[in-house]
């Protein structure tokens, strides 16, 4: 993923600063935590509903999902030009607090007319065949370590499925997502991503 200038500048400041204040105070109401959220918000938006291409919405994600992705980034099990170095600076408590915080935010939900109903219908058929709702729940709101897909950015879902296909990403303790992704062609991926992005999750 290409570096985003605004995010990159804030990340450099974070790494250089070492988030030293975190050693003195912790918790979701601390100034140190607010500074971490501000840094996250540069890419993921203060609302947790990302406006930048390729950057996922975090608002409303299950807290365990957010926590485990940060653990993966910190341990370099999952790598990303922005997230891997940023996660290196996070303590276990930071990770728990961030998971709780983002779960508390109002998730994205589509309000504009569907620009391609036929693609949505095609995606629904693929989802039904792959039984995505068995893990992501009936309304695709996610649970535990399984992410919310309803209302997620379409471009990000496409990227995630490509990452699973290429072995750049895995599910925790299982191989279900790589197996599913391997079975999808490009048209399937586009349709499934569009369908999920149009779901209100309500």
C-alpha atoms as a PDB file:
ATOM      1  CA  UNK A   1       0.000   0.000   0.000  1.00  0.00           C
ATOM      2  CA  UNK A   2       1.408   3.356  -0.970  1.00  0.00           C
ATOM      3  CA  UNK A   3       2.382   5.814   1.717  1.00  0.00           C
ATOM      4  CA  UNK A   4      -0.095   8.585   2.333  1.00  0.00           C
ATOM      5  CA  UNK A   5       1.750  11.892   2.945  1.00  0.00           C
ATOM      6  CA  UNK A   6      -0.425  13.202   5.783  1.00  0.00           C
ATOM      7  CA  UNK A   7      -0.451   9.852   7.549  1.00  0.00           C
ATOM      8  CA  UNK A   8       3.269   9.390   7.004  1.00  0.00           C
ATOM      9  CA  UNK A   9       4.143  12.725   8.599  1.00  0.00           C
ATOM     10  CA  UNK A  10       2.110  11.969  11.686  1.00  0.00           C
ATOM     11  CA  UNK A  11       3.544   8.474  11.916  1.00  0.00           C
ATOM     12  CA  UNK A  12       7.104   9.788  11.826  1.00  0.00           C
ATOM     13  CA  UNK A  13       6.255  12.201  14.619  1.00  0.00           C
ATOM     14  CA  UNK A  14       4.809   9.356  16.625  1.00  0.00           C
ATOM     15  CA  UNK A  15       7.804   7.077  16.218  1.00  0.00           C
ATOM     16  CA  UNK A  16      10.294   9.825  17.007  1.00  0.00           C
ATOM     17  CA  UNK A  17       8.309  10.883  20.043  1.00  0.00           C
ATOM     18  CA  UNK A  18       8.028   7.293  21.165  1.00  0.00           C
ATOM     19  CA  UNK A  19       4.683   8.126  22.727  1.00  0.00           C
ATOM     20  CA  UNK A  20       6.596   8.764  25.924  1.00  0.00           C
ATOM     21  CA  UNK A  21       3.530  10.072  27.677  1.00  0.00           C
ATOM     22  CA  UNK A  22       2.090   6.572  27.544  1.00  0.00           C
ATOM     23  CA  UNK A  23       4.618   5.449  30.115  1.00  0.00           C
ATOM     24  CA  UNK A  24       3.220   7.975  32.585  1.00  0.00           C
ATOM     25  CA  UNK A  25      -0.495   7.609  32.078  1.00  0.00           C
ATOM     26  CA  UNK A  26      -2.890   5.179  30.436  1.00  0.00           C
ATOM     27  CA  UNK A  27      -6.601   4.659  29.895  1.00  0.00           C
ATOM     28  CA  UNK A  28      -9.132   5.942  27.405  1.00  0.00           C
ATOM     29  CA  UNK A  29      -9.460   9.296  29.162  1.00  0.00           C
ATOM     30  CA  UNK A  30      -5.748  10.041  29.348  1.00  0.00           C
ATOM     31  CA  UNK A  31      -4.046  12.628  27.184  1.00  0.00           C
ATOM     32  CA  UNK A  32      -1.645   9.969  25.916  1.00  0.00           C
ATOM     33  CA  UNK A  33      -4.513   7.834  24.645  1.00  0.00           C
ATOM     34  CA  UNK A  34      -6.202  10.841  23.020  1.00  0.00           C
ATOM     35  CA  UNK A  35      -2.962  11.548  21.162  1.00  0.00           C
ATOM     36  CA  UNK A  36      -2.882   7.963  19.887  1.00  0.00           C
ATOM     37  CA  UNK A  37      -6.470   8.244  18.669  1.00  0.00           C
ATOM     38  CA  UNK A  38      -5.625  11.534  16.957  1.00  0.00           C
ATOM     39  CA  UNK A  39      -2.804   9.816  15.086  1.00  0.00           C
ATOM     40  CA  UNK A  40      -5.090   6.952  14.063  1.00  0.00           C
ATOM     41  CA  UNK A  41      -7.680   9.503  12.960  1.00  0.00           C
ATOM     42  CA  UNK A  42      -5.307  11.054  10.438  1.00  0.00           C
ATOM     43  CA  UNK A  43      -5.914   8.058   8.183  1.00  0.00           C
ATOM     44  CA  UNK A  44      -9.017   6.387   9.634  1.00  0.00           C
ATOM     45  CA  UNK A  45     -10.773   9.736  10.286  1.00  0.00           C
ATOM     46  CA  UNK A  46     -11.684  10.968  13.786  1.00  0.00           C
ATOM     47  CA  UNK A  47     -15.082   9.313  13.320  1.00  0.00           C
ATOM     48  CA  UNK A  48     -13.489   5.958  12.527  1.00  0.00           C
ATOM     49  CA  UNK A  49     -15.194   6.117   9.112  1.00  0.00           C
ATOM     50  CA  UNK A  50     -12.263   6.420   6.729  1.00  0.00           C
ATOM     51  CA  UNK A  51     -12.337   8.818   3.799  1.00  0.00           C
ATOM     52  CA  UNK A  52      -8.996   7.758   2.293  1.00  0.00           C
ATOM     53  CA  UNK A  53      -8.733   5.175  -0.455  1.00  0.00           C
ATOM     54  CA  UNK A  54      -7.585   1.773   0.779  1.00  0.00           C
ATOM     55  CA  UNK A  55      -8.031   2.673   4.456  1.00  0.00           C
ATOM     56  CA  UNK A  56     -10.666   0.652   6.347  1.00  0.00           C
ATOM     57  CA  UNK A  57     -13.465   1.907   8.531  1.00  0.00           C
ATOM     58  CA  UNK A  58     -12.776   1.033  12.176  1.00  0.00           C
ATOM     59  CA  UNK A  59     -15.958   2.415  13.719  1.00  0.00           C
ATOM     60  CA  UNK A  60     -18.150  -0.364  15.058  1.00  0.00           C
ATOM     61  CA  UNK A  61     -15.584  -3.106  14.538  1.00  0.00           C
ATOM     62  CA  UNK A  62     -15.618  -5.834  17.234  1.00  0.00           C
ATOM     63  CA  UNK A  63     -13.019  -4.948  19.833  1.00  0.00           C
ATOM     64  CA  UNK A  64     -11.285  -8.329  19.671  1.00  0.00           C
ATOM     65  CA  UNK A  65     -10.905  -7.972  15.908  1.00  0.00           C
ATOM     66  CA  UNK A  66      -9.219  -4.572  16.266  1.00  0.00           C
ATOM     67  CA  UNK A  67      -7.018  -5.888  19.064  1.00  0.00           C
ATOM     68  CA  UNK A  68      -5.805  -8.916  17.144  1.00  0.00           C
ATOM     69  CA  UNK A  69      -5.046  -6.932  13.985  1.00  0.00           C
ATOM     70  CA  UNK A  70      -2.922  -4.538  16.054  1.00  0.00           C
ATOM     71  CA  UNK A  71      -1.152  -7.521  17.640  1.00  0.00           C
ATOM     72  CA  UNK A  72      -0.470  -8.925  14.153  1.00  0.00           C
ATOM     73  CA  UNK A  73       0.914  -5.589  12.970  1.00  0.00           C
ATOM     74  CA  UNK A  74       3.035  -5.194  16.092  1.00  0.00           C
ATOM     75  CA  UNK A  75       4.481  -8.685  15.729  1.00  0.00           C
ATOM     76  CA  UNK A  76       4.855  -8.299  11.940  1.00  0.00           C
ATOM     77  CA  UNK A  77       2.636 -11.296  11.281  1.00  0.00           C
ATOM     78  CA  UNK A  78       0.690  -8.825   9.177  1.00  0.00           C
ATOM     79  CA  UNK A  79       2.707  -6.107   7.469  1.00  0.00           C
ATOM     80  CA  UNK A  80       1.753  -2.682   6.185  1.00  0.00           C
ATOM     81  CA  UNK A  81       3.917   0.363   5.473  1.00  0.00           C
ATOM     82  CA  UNK A  82       1.919   2.504   7.889  1.00  0.00           C
ATOM     83  CA  UNK A  83       0.477   0.151  10.469  1.00  0.00           C
ATOM     84  CA  UNK A  84       3.467  -2.063  11.225  1.00  0.00           C
ATOM     85  CA  UNK A  85       5.698   0.759  12.554  1.00  0.00           C
ATOM     86  CA  UNK A  86       2.760   2.489  14.256  1.00  0.00           C
ATOM     87  CA  UNK A  87       1.755  -0.676  16.121  1.00  0.00           C
ATOM     88  CA  UNK A  88       5.315  -1.190  17.369  1.00  0.00           C
ATOM     89  CA  UNK A  89       4.739   1.738  19.716  1.00  0.00           C
ATOM     90  CA  UNK A  90       1.573   0.315  21.277  1.00  0.00           C
ATOM     91  CA  UNK A  91       1.451  -1.417  24.648  1.00  0.00           C
ATOM     92  CA  UNK A  92      -0.982  -4.245  25.398  1.00  0.00           C
ATOM     93  CA  UNK A  93      -3.162  -1.763  27.282  1.00  0.00           C
ATOM     94  CA  UNK A  94      -3.105   0.637  24.331  1.00  0.00           C
ATOM     95  CA  UNK A  95      -4.336  -2.172  22.113  1.00  0.00           C
ATOM     96  CA  UNK A  96      -7.143  -3.103  24.496  1.00  0.00           C
ATOM     97  CA  UNK A  97      -8.182   0.546  24.813  1.00  0.00           C
ATOM     98  CA  UNK A  98      -8.184   1.103  21.047  1.00  0.00           C
ATOM     99  CA  UNK A  99     -10.313  -1.983  20.496  1.00  0.00           C
ATOM    100  CA  UNK A 100     -12.865  -0.766  23.035  1.00  0.00           C
ATOM    101  CA  UNK A 101     -12.815   2.768  21.667  1.00  0.00           C
ATOM    102  CA  UNK A 102     -13.424   1.894  18.019  1.00  0.00           C
ATOM    103  CA  UNK A 103     -16.159  -0.589  18.892  1.00  0.00           C
ATOM    104  CA  UNK A 104     -18.005   2.271  20.643  1.00  0.00           C
ATOM    105  CA  UNK A 105     -18.140   4.502  17.533  1.00  0.00           C
ATOM    106  CA  UNK A 106     -21.127   4.577  15.179  1.00  0.00           C
ATOM    107  CA  UNK A 107     -20.344   2.388  12.157  1.00  0.00           C
ATOM    108  CA  UNK A 108     -20.560   3.447   8.535  1.00  0.00           C
ATOM    109  CA  UNK A 109     -23.863   2.771   6.811  1.00  0.00           C
ATOM    110  CA  UNK A 110     -24.678   3.567   3.165  1.00  0.00           C
ATOM    111  CA  UNK A 111     -27.185   6.367   2.695  1.00  0.00           C
ATOM    112  CA  UNK A 112     -26.757   7.125  -1.021  1.00  0.00           C
ATOM    113  CA  UNK A 113     -28.610   5.213  -3.779  1.00  0.00           C
ATOM    114  CA  UNK A 114     -26.933   1.989  -4.872  1.00  0.00           C
ATOM    115  CA  UNK A 115     -24.993   2.878  -8.049  1.00  0.00           C
ATOM    116  CA  UNK A 116     -25.024  -0.729  -9.307  1.00  0.00           C
ATOM    117  CA  UNK A 117     -27.956  -2.848  -8.045  1.00  0.00           C
ATOM    118  CA  UNK A 118     -27.071  -5.653 -10.459  1.00  0.00           C
ATOM    119  CA  UNK A 119     -23.611  -5.943  -8.910  1.00  0.00           C
ATOM    120  CA  UNK A 120     -25.164  -5.981  -5.452  1.00  0.00           C
ATOM    121  CA  UNK A 121     -27.452  -8.824  -6.517  1.00  0.00           C
ATOM    122  CA  UNK A 122     -24.506 -10.756  -7.928  1.00  0.00           C
ATOM    123  CA  UNK A 123     -22.596 -10.248  -4.681  1.00  0.00           C
ATOM    124  CA  UNK A 124     -25.564 -11.491  -2.640  1.00  0.00           C
ATOM    125  CA  UNK A 125     -25.577 -14.747  -4.607  1.00  0.00           C
ATOM    126  CA  UNK A 126     -21.856 -15.229  -4.043  1.00  0.00           C
ATOM    127  CA  UNK A 127     -22.229 -14.529  -0.325  1.00  0.00           C
ATOM    128  CA  UNK A 128     -25.083 -17.007  -0.059  1.00  0.00           C
ATOM    129  CA  UNK A 129     -22.975 -19.652  -1.760  1.00  0.00           C
ATOM    130  CA  UNK A 130     -19.928 -18.991   0.437  1.00  0.00           C
ATOM    131  CA  UNK A 131     -21.986 -18.691   3.673  1.00  0.00           C
ATOM    132  CA  UNK A 132     -20.131 -15.577   4.855  1.00  0.00           C
ATOM    133  CA  UNK A 133     -22.816 -14.991   7.481  1.00  0.00           C
ATOM    134  CA  UNK A 134     -21.766 -18.066   9.431  1.00  0.00           C
ATOM    135  CA  UNK A 135     -18.777 -16.151  10.776  1.00  0.00           C
ATOM    136  CA  UNK A 136     -19.630 -12.511  10.053  1.00  0.00           C
ATOM    137  CA  UNK A 137     -23.239 -12.918  11.313  1.00  0.00           C
ATOM    138  CA  UNK A 138     -26.509 -12.517   9.440  1.00  0.00           C
ATOM    139  CA  UNK A 139     -26.193  -8.746   9.033  1.00  0.00           C
ATOM    140  CA  UNK A 140     -22.399  -8.878   8.615  1.00  0.00           C
ATOM    141  CA  UNK A 141     -21.741  -6.917  11.795  1.00  0.00           C
ATOM    142  CA  UNK A 142     -18.936  -9.263  12.875  1.00  0.00           C
ATOM    143  CA  UNK A 143     -18.262 -10.895  16.204  1.00  0.00           C
ATOM    144  CA  UNK A 144     -15.248 -11.554  18.391  1.00  0.00           C
ATOM    145  CA  UNK A 145     -12.209 -11.797  16.134  1.00  0.00           C
ATOM    146  CA  UNK A 146     -14.319 -11.690  12.961  1.00  0.00           C
ATOM    147  CA  UNK A 147     -14.624  -8.231  11.367  1.00  0.00           C
ATOM    148  CA  UNK A 148     -17.670  -6.183  10.530  1.00  0.00           C
ATOM    149  CA  UNK A 149     -18.135  -6.132   6.748  1.00  0.00           C
ATOM    150  CA  UNK A 150     -21.420  -4.223   6.544  1.00  0.00           C
ATOM    151  CA  UNK A 151     -20.755  -0.737   5.218  1.00  0.00           C
ATOM    152  CA  UNK A 152     -17.008  -1.317   4.897  1.00  0.00           C
ATOM    153  CA  UNK A 153     -15.187   0.509   2.114  1.00  0.00           C
ATOM    154  CA  UNK A 154     -15.553  -1.374  -1.159  1.00  0.00           C
ATOM    155  CA  UNK A 155     -11.947  -0.794  -2.195  1.00  0.00           C
ATOM    156  CA  UNK A 156     -10.695  -2.066   1.142  1.00  0.00           C
ATOM    157  CA  UNK A 157     -12.667  -5.315   0.937  1.00  0.00           C
ATOM    158  CA  UNK A 158     -11.183  -5.892  -2.515  1.00  0.00           C
ATOM    159  CA  UNK A 159      -7.697  -5.312  -1.132  1.00  0.00           C
ATOM    160  CA  UNK A 160      -8.313  -7.639   1.826  1.00  0.00           C
ATOM    161  CA  UNK A 161      -9.478 -10.467  -0.431  1.00  0.00           C
ATOM    162  CA  UNK A 162      -6.442  -9.979  -2.667  1.00  0.00           C
ATOM    163  CA  UNK A 163      -4.207 -10.106   0.418  1.00  0.00           C
ATOM    164  CA  UNK A 164      -5.774 -13.411   1.447  1.00  0.00           C
ATOM    165  CA  UNK A 165      -5.284 -14.788  -2.046  1.00  0.00           C
ATOM    166  CA  UNK A 166      -1.623 -13.772  -2.070  1.00  0.00           C
ATOM    167  CA  UNK A 167      -0.860 -15.052   1.427  1.00  0.00           C
ATOM    168  CA  UNK A 168      -0.208 -11.561   2.776  1.00  0.00           C
ATOM    169  CA  UNK A 169      -2.925 -11.977   5.357  1.00  0.00           C
ATOM    170  CA  UNK A 170      -4.473 -14.831   7.291  1.00  0.00           C
ATOM    171  CA  UNK A 171      -7.295 -15.485   9.700  1.00  0.00           C
ATOM    172  CA  UNK A 172      -6.400 -16.186  13.312  1.00  0.00           C
ATOM    173  CA  UNK A 173      -5.879 -19.895  13.908  1.00  0.00           C
ATOM    174  CA  UNK A 174      -7.662 -21.032  10.753  1.00  0.00           C
ATOM    175  CA  UNK A 175      -7.407 -21.028   6.986  1.00  0.00           C
ATOM    176  CA  UNK A 176     -11.027 -20.313   6.102  1.00  0.00           C
ATOM    177  CA  UNK A 177     -10.456 -16.860   4.575  1.00  0.00           C
ATOM    178  CA  UNK A 178      -7.552 -17.879   2.313  1.00  0.00           C
ATOM    179  CA  UNK A 179      -9.600 -20.888   1.183  1.00  0.00           C
ATOM    180  CA  UNK A 180     -12.589 -18.701   0.373  1.00  0.00           C
ATOM    181  CA  UNK A 181     -10.473 -16.040  -1.333  1.00  0.00           C
ATOM    182  CA  UNK A 182      -8.671 -18.614  -3.506  1.00  0.00           C
ATOM    183  CA  UNK A 183     -12.041 -19.693  -4.905  1.00  0.00           C
ATOM    184  CA  UNK A 184     -12.970 -16.179  -6.063  1.00  0.00           C
ATOM    185  CA  UNK A 185     -12.206 -14.652  -9.438  1.00  0.00           C
ATOM    186  CA  UNK A 186     -11.921 -10.898  -9.992  1.00  0.00           C
ATOM    187  CA  UNK A 187     -15.578 -10.489 -10.923  1.00  0.00           C
ATOM    188  CA  UNK A 188     -16.581 -12.390  -7.777  1.00  0.00           C
ATOM    189  CA  UNK A 189     -14.378 -10.182  -5.614  1.00  0.00           C
ATOM    190  CA  UNK A 190     -15.775  -6.969  -7.077  1.00  0.00           C
ATOM    191  CA  UNK A 191     -19.357  -8.152  -6.673  1.00  0.00           C
ATOM    192  CA  UNK A 192     -18.857  -9.405  -3.120  1.00  0.00           C
ATOM    193  CA  UNK A 193     -17.066  -6.203  -2.071  1.00  0.00           C
ATOM    194  CA  UNK A 194     -19.802  -4.051  -3.571  1.00  0.00           C
ATOM    195  CA  UNK A 195     -22.523  -6.097  -1.890  1.00  0.00           C
ATOM    196  CA  UNK A 196     -20.883  -5.903   1.547  1.00  0.00           C
ATOM    197  CA  UNK A 197     -20.261  -2.174   1.226  1.00  0.00           C
ATOM    198  CA  UNK A 198     -23.991  -1.617   0.634  1.00  0.00           C
ATOM    199  CA  UNK A 199     -25.164  -3.513   3.724  1.00  0.00           C
ATOM    200  CA  UNK A 200     -26.495  -1.321   6.576  1.00  0.00           C
ATOM    201  CA  UNK A 201     -25.723  -3.865   9.286  1.00  0.00           C
ATOM    202  CA  UNK A 202     -28.998  -3.126  11.042  1.00  0.00           C
END
